[in-house]
Full PDB file with SEQRES, HELIX, SHEET, SSBOND, CRYST1, ORIGX, SCALE, CONECT and MASTER records, all heavy atoms in Angstrom:
SEQRES   1 A   32  TRP VAL HIS THR GLU THR GLY TYR ARG ARG PHE ARG THR          
SEQRES   2 A   32  ALA ILE VAL GLU LEU ALA ARG LYS ASN GLY LYS SER THR          
SEQRES   3 A   32  TRP ALA ALA GLY ILE ALA                                      
HELIX    1 AA1 LYS A   24  ILE A   31  1                                   8    
CRYST1    1.000    1.000    1.000  90.00  90.00  90.00 P 1           1          
ORIGX1      1.000000  0.000000  0.000000        0.00000                         
ORIGX2      0.000000  1.000000  0.000000        0.00000                         
ORIGX3      0.000000  0.000000  1.000000        0.00000                         
SCALE1      1.000000  0.000000  0.000000        0.00000                         
SCALE2      0.000000  1.000000  0.000000        0.00000                         
SCALE3      0.000000  0.000000  1.000000        0.00000                         
ATOM      1  N   TRP A   1     131.773  61.575 108.915  1.00  0.00           N  
ATOM      2  CA  TRP A   1     131.520  62.076 107.603  1.00  0.00           C  
ATOM      3  C   TRP A   1     131.561  60.876 106.637  1.00  0.00           C  
ATOM      4  O   TRP A   1     132.623  60.252 106.483  1.00  0.00           O  
ATOM      5  CB  TRP A   1     132.488  63.145 107.265  1.00  0.00           C  
ATOM      6  CG  TRP A   1     132.170  64.455 107.916  1.00  0.00           C  
ATOM      7  CD1 TRP A   1     132.853  65.052 108.867  1.00  0.00           C  
ATOM      8  CD2 TRP A   1     131.060  65.344 107.428  1.00  0.00           C  
ATOM      9  NE1 TRP A   1     132.243  66.275 109.391  1.00  0.00           N  
ATOM     10  CE2 TRP A   1     131.136  66.414 108.466  1.00  0.00           C  
ATOM     11  CE3 TRP A   1     130.026  65.178 106.685  1.00  0.00           C  
ATOM     12  CZ2 TRP A   1     130.190  67.395 108.480  1.00  0.00           C  
ATOM     13  CZ3 TRP A   1     129.093  66.166 106.558  1.00  0.00           C  
ATOM     14  CH2 TRP A   1     129.200  67.321 107.470  1.00  0.00           C  
ATOM     15  N   VAL A   2     130.495  60.811 105.839  1.00  0.00           N  
ATOM     16  CA  VAL A   2     130.363  59.765 104.900  1.00  0.00           C  
ATOM     17  C   VAL A   2     129.824  60.286 103.539  1.00  0.00           C  
ATOM     18  O   VAL A   2     129.260  61.320 103.608  1.00  0.00           O  
ATOM     19  CB  VAL A   2     129.439  58.432 105.372  1.00  0.00           C  
ATOM     20  CG1 VAL A   2     130.147  57.790 106.645  1.00  0.00           C  
ATOM     21  CG2 VAL A   2     128.177  58.956 105.596  1.00  0.00           C  
ATOM     22  N   HIS A   3     130.054  59.534 102.429  1.00  0.00           N  
ATOM     23  CA  HIS A   3     129.499  59.874 101.241  1.00  0.00           C  
ATOM     24  C   HIS A   3     127.957  59.351 101.234  1.00  0.00           C  
ATOM     25  O   HIS A   3     127.684  58.159 101.607  1.00  0.00           O  
ATOM     26  CB  HIS A   3     130.233  59.138 100.028  1.00  0.00           C  
ATOM     27  CG  HIS A   3     131.555  59.800  99.982  1.00  0.00           C  
ATOM     28  ND1 HIS A   3     131.955  60.972  99.200  1.00  0.00           N  
ATOM     29  CD2 HIS A   3     132.818  59.403 100.353  1.00  0.00           C  
ATOM     30  CE1 HIS A   3     133.239  61.131  99.298  1.00  0.00           C  
ATOM     31  NE2 HIS A   3     133.731  60.221 100.082  1.00  0.00           N  
ATOM     32  N   THR A   4     127.174  60.302 100.863  1.00  0.00           N  
ATOM     33  CA  THR A   4     125.676  59.907 100.955  1.00  0.00           C  
ATOM     34  C   THR A   4     125.292  58.673 100.203  1.00  0.00           C  
ATOM     35  O   THR A   4     124.640  57.904 100.771  1.00  0.00           O  
ATOM     36  CB  THR A   4     125.008  61.177 100.401  1.00  0.00           C  
ATOM     37  OG1 THR A   4     125.328  62.394 101.150  1.00  0.00           O  
ATOM     38  CG2 THR A   4     123.406  60.875 100.471  1.00  0.00           C  
ATOM     39  N   GLU A   5     125.950  58.556  98.882  1.00  0.00           N  
ATOM     40  CA  GLU A   5     125.512  57.352  98.117  1.00  0.00           C  
ATOM     41  C   GLU A   5     126.021  56.124  98.631  1.00  0.00           C  
ATOM     42  O   GLU A   5     125.318  55.066  98.589  1.00  0.00           O  
ATOM     43  CB  GLU A   5     125.950  57.636  96.662  1.00  0.00           C  
ATOM     44  CG  GLU A   5     125.033  58.584  95.920  1.00  0.00           C  
ATOM     45  CD  GLU A   5     125.392  58.701  94.384  1.00  0.00           C  
ATOM     46  OE1 GLU A   5     125.955  57.684  93.932  1.00  0.00           O  
ATOM     47  OE2 GLU A   5     125.151  59.717  93.825  1.00  0.00           O  
ATOM     48  N   THR A   6     127.220  56.083  98.874  1.00  0.00           N  
ATOM     49  CA  THR A   6     127.917  54.695  99.285  1.00  0.00           C  
ATOM     50  C   THR A   6     128.059  54.390 100.754  1.00  0.00           C  
ATOM     51  O   THR A   6     128.127  53.323 101.147  1.00  0.00           O  
ATOM     52  CB  THR A   6     129.324  54.770  98.773  1.00  0.00           C  
ATOM     53  OG1 THR A   6     130.000  55.869  99.416  1.00  0.00           O  
ATOM     54  CG2 THR A   6     129.267  54.958  97.300  1.00  0.00           C  
ATOM     55  N   GLY A   7     127.908  55.402 101.677  1.00  0.00           N  
ATOM     56  CA  GLY A   7     128.079  55.357 103.052  1.00  0.00           C  
ATOM     57  C   GLY A   7     129.585  55.154 103.487  1.00  0.00           C  
ATOM     58  O   GLY A   7     129.979  54.985 104.597  1.00  0.00           O  
ATOM     59  N   TYR A   8     130.558  55.182 102.412  1.00  0.00           N  
ATOM     60  CA  TYR A   8     131.999  55.182 102.631  1.00  0.00           C  
ATOM     61  C   TYR A   8     132.422  56.394 103.370  1.00  0.00           C  
ATOM     62  O   TYR A   8     131.853  57.539 103.139  1.00  0.00           O  
ATOM     63  CB  TYR A   8     132.749  54.938 101.391  1.00  0.00           C  
ATOM     64  CG  TYR A   8     132.575  53.536 100.699  1.00  0.00           C  
ATOM     65  CD1 TYR A   8     132.770  53.463  99.336  1.00  0.00           C  
ATOM     66  CD2 TYR A   8     132.072  52.518 101.361  1.00  0.00           C  
ATOM     67  CE1 TYR A   8     132.656  52.353  98.601  1.00  0.00           C  
ATOM     68  CE2 TYR A   8     131.954  51.286 100.768  1.00  0.00           C  
ATOM     69  CZ  TYR A   8     132.033  51.207  99.391  1.00  0.00           C  
ATOM     70  OH  TYR A   8     131.896  50.009  98.785  1.00  0.00           O  
ATOM     71  N   ARG A   9     133.475  56.199 104.238  1.00  0.00           N  
ATOM     72  CA  ARG A   9     134.029  57.399 104.874  1.00  0.00           C  
ATOM     73  C   ARG A   9     134.526  58.440 103.925  1.00  0.00           C  
ATOM     74  O   ARG A   9     135.127  58.197 102.940  1.00  0.00           O  
ATOM     75  CB  ARG A   9     135.133  56.951 105.805  1.00  0.00           C  
ATOM     76  CG  ARG A   9     134.660  56.391 107.165  1.00  0.00           C  
ATOM     77  CD  ARG A   9     135.728  56.067 108.069  1.00  0.00           C  
ATOM     78  NE  ARG A   9     136.813  55.130 107.633  1.00  0.00           N  
ATOM     79  CZ  ARG A   9     136.564  53.919 107.797  1.00  0.00           C  
ATOM     80  NH1 ARG A   9     135.508  53.349 108.277  1.00  0.00           N  
ATOM     81  NH2 ARG A   9     137.569  53.079 107.279  1.00  0.00           N  
ATOM     82  N   ARG A  10     134.358  59.727 104.286  1.00  0.00           N  
ATOM     83  CA  ARG A  10     134.846  60.884 103.582  1.00  0.00           C  
ATOM     84  C   ARG A  10     136.356  60.873 103.663  1.00  0.00           C  
ATOM     85  O   ARG A  10     137.068  61.039 102.659  1.00  0.00           O  
ATOM     86  CB  ARG A  10     134.201  62.080 104.134  1.00  0.00           C  
ATOM     87  CG  ARG A  10     134.775  63.328 103.601  1.00  0.00           C  
ATOM     88  CD  ARG A  10     134.302  64.526 104.234  1.00  0.00           C  
ATOM     89  NE  ARG A  10     134.700  65.857 103.692  1.00  0.00           N  
ATOM     90  CZ  ARG A  10     134.334  67.027 104.112  1.00  0.00           C  
ATOM     91  NH1 ARG A  10     133.558  67.058 105.152  1.00  0.00           N  
ATOM     92  NH2 ARG A  10     134.712  68.150 103.525  1.00  0.00           N  
ATOM     93  N   PHE A  11     136.975  60.685 104.797  1.00  0.00           N  
ATOM     94  CA  PHE A  11     138.320  60.938 105.141  1.00  0.00           C  
ATOM     95  C   PHE A  11     138.917  59.483 105.246  1.00  0.00           C  
ATOM     96  O   PHE A  11     138.564  58.646 106.009  1.00  0.00           O  
ATOM     97  CB  PHE A  11     138.529  61.712 106.453  1.00  0.00           C  
ATOM     98  CG  PHE A  11     137.940  62.983 106.515  1.00  0.00           C  
ATOM     99  CD1 PHE A  11     136.796  63.289 107.224  1.00  0.00           C  
ATOM    100  CD2 PHE A  11     138.509  64.072 105.704  1.00  0.00           C  
ATOM    101  CE1 PHE A  11     136.259  64.611 107.283  1.00  0.00           C  
ATOM    102  CE2 PHE A  11     137.975  65.318 105.661  1.00  0.00           C  
ATOM    103  CZ  PHE A  11     136.824  65.653 106.465  1.00  0.00           C  
ATOM    104  N   ARG A  12     139.922  59.403 104.278  1.00  0.00           N  
ATOM    105  CA  ARG A  12     140.789  58.093 104.447  1.00  0.00           C  
ATOM    106  C   ARG A  12     142.050  58.305 104.906  1.00  0.00           C  
ATOM    107  O   ARG A  12     142.857  57.252 105.216  1.00  0.00           O  
ATOM    108  CB  ARG A  12     140.858  57.616 102.957  1.00  0.00           C  
ATOM    109  CG  ARG A  12     139.444  57.260 102.367  1.00  0.00           C  
ATOM    110  CD  ARG A  12     139.517  56.965 100.867  1.00  0.00           C  
ATOM    111  NE  ARG A  12     140.613  55.991 100.638  1.00  0.00           N  
ATOM    112  CZ  ARG A  12     140.465  54.932 100.055  1.00  0.00           C  
ATOM    113  NH1 ARG A  12     139.343  54.403  99.729  1.00  0.00           N  
ATOM    114  NH2 ARG A  12     141.492  53.984  99.762  1.00  0.00           N  
ATOM    115  N   THR A  13     142.506  59.562 105.142  1.00  0.00           N  
ATOM    116  CA  THR A  13     143.826  59.826 105.742  1.00  0.00           C  
ATOM    117  C   THR A  13     143.759  60.942 106.633  1.00  0.00           C  
ATOM    118  O   THR A  13     143.066  61.832 106.355  1.00  0.00           O  
ATOM    119  CB  THR A  13     144.801  60.373 104.493  1.00  0.00           C  
ATOM    120  OG1 THR A  13     144.863  59.196 103.465  1.00  0.00           O  
ATOM    121  CG2 THR A  13     146.152  60.582 104.975  1.00  0.00           C  
ATOM    122  N   ALA A  14     144.602  60.867 107.646  1.00  0.00           N  
ATOM    123  CA  ALA A  14     144.602  62.069 108.677  1.00  0.00           C  
ATOM    124  C   ALA A  14     146.101  62.199 109.118  1.00  0.00           C  
ATOM    125  O   ALA A  14     146.854  61.177 109.268  1.00  0.00           O  
ATOM    126  CB  ALA A  14     143.684  61.685 109.882  1.00  0.00           C  
ATOM    127  N   ILE A  15     146.476  63.316 109.287  1.00  0.00           N  
ATOM    128  CA  ILE A  15     147.887  63.699 109.733  1.00  0.00           C  
ATOM    129  C   ILE A  15     147.718  64.167 111.116  1.00  0.00           C  
ATOM    130  O   ILE A  15     147.019  65.243 111.267  1.00  0.00           O  
ATOM    131  CB  ILE A  15     148.627  64.575 108.894  1.00  0.00           C  
ATOM    132  CG1 ILE A  15     148.828  63.886 107.368  1.00  0.00           C  
ATOM    133  CG2 ILE A  15     149.950  64.937 109.494  1.00  0.00           C  
ATOM    134  CD1 ILE A  15     149.304  64.890 106.406  1.00  0.00           C  
ATOM    135  N   VAL A  16     148.321  63.497 112.116  1.00  0.00           N  
ATOM    136  CA  VAL A  16     148.046  63.916 113.509  1.00  0.00           C  
ATOM    137  C   VAL A  16     149.347  64.275 114.022  1.00  0.00           C  
ATOM    138  O   VAL A  16     150.272  63.377 114.156  1.00  0.00           O  
ATOM    139  CB  VAL A  16     147.426  62.806 114.360  1.00  0.00           C  
ATOM    140  CG1 VAL A  16     147.207  63.250 115.789  1.00  0.00           C  
ATOM    141  CG2 VAL A  16     146.052  62.391 113.812  1.00  0.00           C  
ATOM    142  N   GLU A  17     149.697  65.480 114.281  1.00  0.00           N  
ATOM    143  CA  GLU A  17     150.900  66.010 114.901  1.00  0.00           C  
ATOM    144  C   GLU A  17     150.661  66.541 116.207  1.00  0.00           C  
ATOM    145  O   GLU A  17     150.004  67.533 116.380  1.00  0.00           O  
ATOM    146  CB  GLU A  17     151.572  67.099 114.041  1.00  0.00           C  
ATOM    147  CG  GLU A  17     151.899  66.617 112.676  1.00  0.00           C  
ATOM    148  CD  GLU A  17     152.602  67.573 111.786  1.00  0.00           C  
ATOM    149  OE1 GLU A  17     153.222  68.594 112.346  1.00  0.00           O  
ATOM    150  OE2 GLU A  17     152.539  67.556 110.575  1.00  0.00           O  
ATOM    151  N   LEU A  18     151.401  65.978 117.239  1.00  0.00           N  
ATOM    152  CA  LEU A  18     151.216  66.473 118.653  1.00  0.00           C  
ATOM    153  C   LEU A  18     152.689  66.210 119.257  1.00  0.00           C  
ATOM    154  O   LEU A  18     153.411  65.212 118.831  1.00  0.00           O  
ATOM    155  CB  LEU A  18     150.258  65.522 119.444  1.00  0.00           C  
ATOM    156  CG  LEU A  18     148.835  65.975 119.149  1.00  0.00           C  
ATOM    157  CD1 LEU A  18     147.879  64.814 119.826  1.00  0.00           C  
ATOM    158  CD2 LEU A  18     148.387  67.198 119.751  1.00  0.00           C  
ATOM    159  N   ALA A  19     152.844  66.909 120.349  1.00  0.00           N  
ATOM    160  CA  ALA A  19     154.117  66.639 121.137  1.00  0.00           C  
ATOM    161  C   ALA A  19     154.111  65.275 121.816  1.00  0.00           C  
ATOM    162  O   ALA A  19     152.953  64.672 121.899  1.00  0.00           O  
ATOM    163  CB  ALA A  19     154.218  67.712 122.126  1.00  0.00           C  
ATOM    164  N   ARG A  20     155.186  64.733 122.223  1.00  0.00           N  
ATOM    165  CA  ARG A  20     155.215  63.530 122.988  1.00  0.00           C  
ATOM    166  C   ARG A  20     154.327  63.485 124.228  1.00  0.00           C  
ATOM    167  O   ARG A  20     154.091  64.492 124.665  1.00  0.00           O  
ATOM    168  CB  ARG A  20     156.683  63.240 123.300  1.00  0.00           C  
ATOM    169  CG  ARG A  20     157.635  63.045 122.133  1.00  0.00           C  
ATOM    170  CD  ARG A  20     159.003  62.764 122.722  1.00  0.00           C  
ATOM    171  NE  ARG A  20     158.949  61.391 123.208  1.00  0.00           N  
ATOM    172  CZ  ARG A  20     159.438  60.957 124.481  1.00  0.00           C  
ATOM    173  NH1 ARG A  20     160.164  61.923 125.205  1.00  0.00           N  
ATOM    174  NH2 ARG A  20     159.408  59.709 124.930  1.00  0.00           N  
ATOM    175  N   LYS A  21     153.918  62.186 124.456  1.00  0.00           N  
ATOM    176  CA  LYS A  21     153.126  62.031 125.651  1.00  0.00           C  
ATOM    177  C   LYS A  21     151.686  62.719 125.657  1.00  0.00           C  
ATOM    178  O   LYS A  21     151.257  62.997 126.700  1.00  0.00           O  
ATOM    179  CB  LYS A  21     153.850  62.382 126.855  1.00  0.00           C  
ATOM    180  CG  LYS A  21     155.247  61.722 127.082  1.00  0.00           C  
ATOM    181  CD  LYS A  21     154.983  60.294 127.418  1.00  0.00           C  
ATOM    182  CE  LYS A  21     156.341  59.566 127.690  1.00  0.00           C  
ATOM    183  NZ  LYS A  21     156.209  58.166 127.756  1.00  0.00           N  
ATOM    184  N   ASN A  22     151.202  62.803 124.474  1.00  0.00           N  
ATOM    185  CA  ASN A  22     149.821  63.285 124.409  1.00  0.00           C  
ATOM    186  C   ASN A  22     148.789  62.201 124.005  1.00  0.00           C  
ATOM    187  O   ASN A  22     147.603  62.500 123.743  1.00  0.00           O  
ATOM    188  CB  ASN A  22     149.725  64.433 123.438  1.00  0.00           C  
ATOM    189  CG  ASN A  22     150.086  65.719 124.047  1.00  0.00           C  
ATOM    190  OD1 ASN A  22     149.431  66.330 125.070  1.00  0.00           O  
ATOM    191  ND2 ASN A  22     151.291  66.356 123.654  1.00  0.00           N  
ATOM    192  N   GLY A  23     149.164  60.938 123.866  1.00  0.00           N  
ATOM    193  CA  GLY A  23     148.236  59.904 123.595  1.00  0.00           C  
ATOM    194  C   GLY A  23     148.046  59.597 122.172  1.00  0.00           C  
ATOM    195  O   GLY A  23     146.888  58.884 121.817  1.00  0.00           O  
ATOM    196  N   LYS A  24     148.934  59.924 121.262  1.00  0.00           N  
ATOM    197  CA  LYS A  24     148.763  59.718 119.913  1.00  0.00           C  
ATOM    198  C   LYS A  24     148.774  58.100 119.590  1.00  0.00           C  
ATOM    199  O   LYS A  24     147.918  57.588 118.965  1.00  0.00           O  
ATOM    200  CB  LYS A  24     149.826  60.331 118.982  1.00  0.00           C  
ATOM    201  CG  LYS A  24     149.889  61.906 118.995  1.00  0.00           C  
ATOM    202  CD  LYS A  24     150.868  62.373 117.991  1.00  0.00           C  
ATOM    203  CE  LYS A  24     152.289  61.968 118.357  1.00  0.00           C  
ATOM    204  NZ  LYS A  24     152.943  62.504 119.623  1.00  0.00           N  
ATOM    205  N   SER A  25     149.876  57.469 120.092  1.00  0.00           N  
ATOM    206  CA  SER A  25     150.104  56.172 119.880  1.00  0.00           C  
ATOM    207  C   SER A  25     148.930  55.232 120.484  1.00  0.00           C  
ATOM    208  O   SER A  25     148.433  54.304 119.796  1.00  0.00           O  
ATOM    209  CB  SER A  25     151.445  55.608 120.431  1.00  0.00           C  
ATOM    210  OG  SER A  25     152.425  56.286 119.682  1.00  0.00           O  
ATOM    211  N   THR A  26     148.560  55.588 121.612  1.00  0.00           N  
ATOM    212  CA  THR A  26     147.522  54.893 122.331  1.00  0.00           C  
ATOM    213  C   THR A  26     146.124  55.049 121.586  1.00  0.00           C  
ATOM    214  O   THR A  26     145.431  54.037 121.237  1.00  0.00           O  
ATOM    215  CB  THR A  26     147.288  55.314 123.767  1.00  0.00           C  
ATOM    216  OG1 THR A  26     148.658  55.236 124.373  1.00  0.00           O  
ATOM    217  CG2 THR A  26     146.271  54.365 124.516  1.00  0.00           C  
ATOM    218  N   TRP A  27     145.909  56.239 121.109  1.00  0.00           N  
ATOM    219  CA  TRP A  27     144.676  56.493 120.362  1.00  0.00           C  
ATOM    220  C   TRP A  27     144.730  55.708 119.013  1.00  0.00           C  
ATOM    221  O   TRP A  27     143.702  55.101 118.490  1.00  0.00           O  
ATOM    222  CB  TRP A  27     144.521  57.947 120.063  1.00  0.00           C  
ATOM    223  CG  TRP A  27     143.381  58.395 119.131  1.00  0.00           C  
ATOM    224  CD1 TRP A  27     142.038  58.424 119.407  1.00  0.00           C  
ATOM    225  CD2 TRP A  27     143.581  58.670 117.804  1.00  0.00           C  
ATOM    226  NE1 TRP A  27     141.399  58.730 118.329  1.00  0.00           N  
ATOM    227  CE2 TRP A  27     142.272  59.000 117.236  1.00  0.00           C  
ATOM    228  CE3 TRP A  27     144.708  58.855 116.916  1.00  0.00           C  
ATOM    229  CZ2 TRP A  27     141.965  59.350 115.945  1.00  0.00           C  
ATOM    230  CZ3 TRP A  27     144.416  59.256 115.633  1.00  0.00           C  
ATOM    231  CH2 TRP A  27     143.127  59.620 115.223  1.00  0.00           C  
ATOM    232  N   ALA A  28     145.892  55.910 118.353  1.00  0.00           N  
ATOM    233  CA  ALA A  28     146.063  55.120 117.010  1.00  0.00           C  
ATOM    234  C   ALA A  28     145.820  53.680 117.193  1.00  0.00           C  
ATOM    235  O   ALA A  28     145.266  52.950 116.283  1.00  0.00           O  
ATOM    236  CB  ALA A  28     147.502  55.442 116.460  1.00  0.00           C  
ATOM    237  N   ALA A  29     146.394  53.028 118.269  1.00  0.00           N  
ATOM    238  CA  ALA A  29     146.262  51.664 118.499  1.00  0.00           C  
ATOM    239  C   ALA A  29     144.684  51.330 118.674  1.00  0.00           C  
ATOM    240  O   ALA A  29     144.320  50.327 118.076  1.00  0.00           O  
ATOM    241  CB  ALA A  29     146.862  51.228 119.757  1.00  0.00           C  
ATOM    242  N   GLY A  30     144.022  52.128 119.307  1.00  0.00           N  
ATOM    243  CA  GLY A  30     142.667  51.812 119.414  1.00  0.00           C  
ATOM    244  C   GLY A  30     141.861  51.991 118.096  1.00  0.00           C  
ATOM    245  O   GLY A  30     140.969  51.190 117.791  1.00  0.00           O  
ATOM    246  N   ILE A  31     142.194  53.021 117.363  1.00  0.00           N  
ATOM    247  CA  ILE A  31     141.629  53.096 116.059  1.00  0.00           C  
ATOM    248  C   ILE A  31     141.971  51.937 115.197  1.00  0.00           C  
ATOM    249  O   ILE A  31     141.105  51.318 114.453  1.00  0.00           O  
ATOM    250  CB  ILE A  31     142.210  54.403 115.373  1.00  0.00           C  
ATOM    251  CG1 ILE A  31     141.608  55.613 116.073  1.00  0.00           C  
ATOM    252  CG2 ILE A  31     141.775  54.411 113.896  1.00  0.00           C  
ATOM    253  CD1 ILE A  31     140.142  55.823 115.981  1.00  0.00           C  
ATOM    254  N   ALA A  32     143.121  51.295 115.176  1.00  0.00           N  
ATOM    255  CA  ALA A  32     143.605  50.171 114.395  1.00  0.00           C  
ATOM    256  C   ALA A  32     142.753  49.074 114.639  1.00  0.00           C  
ATOM    257  O   ALA A  32     142.372  48.163 113.924  1.00  0.00           O  
ATOM    258  CB  ALA A  32     145.161  49.916 114.577  1.00  0.00           C  
TER     259      ALA A  32                                                      
MASTER        0    0    0    1    0    0    0    6  258    1    0    3          
END                                                                             
């Protein structure tokens, strides 16, 4: 999702809540 005029991302913040051992940290490392 991006803004039509600028192409900048719509979402700048996400809150991800999951139980342990579901791959949050590994996914976050890849995103970073």
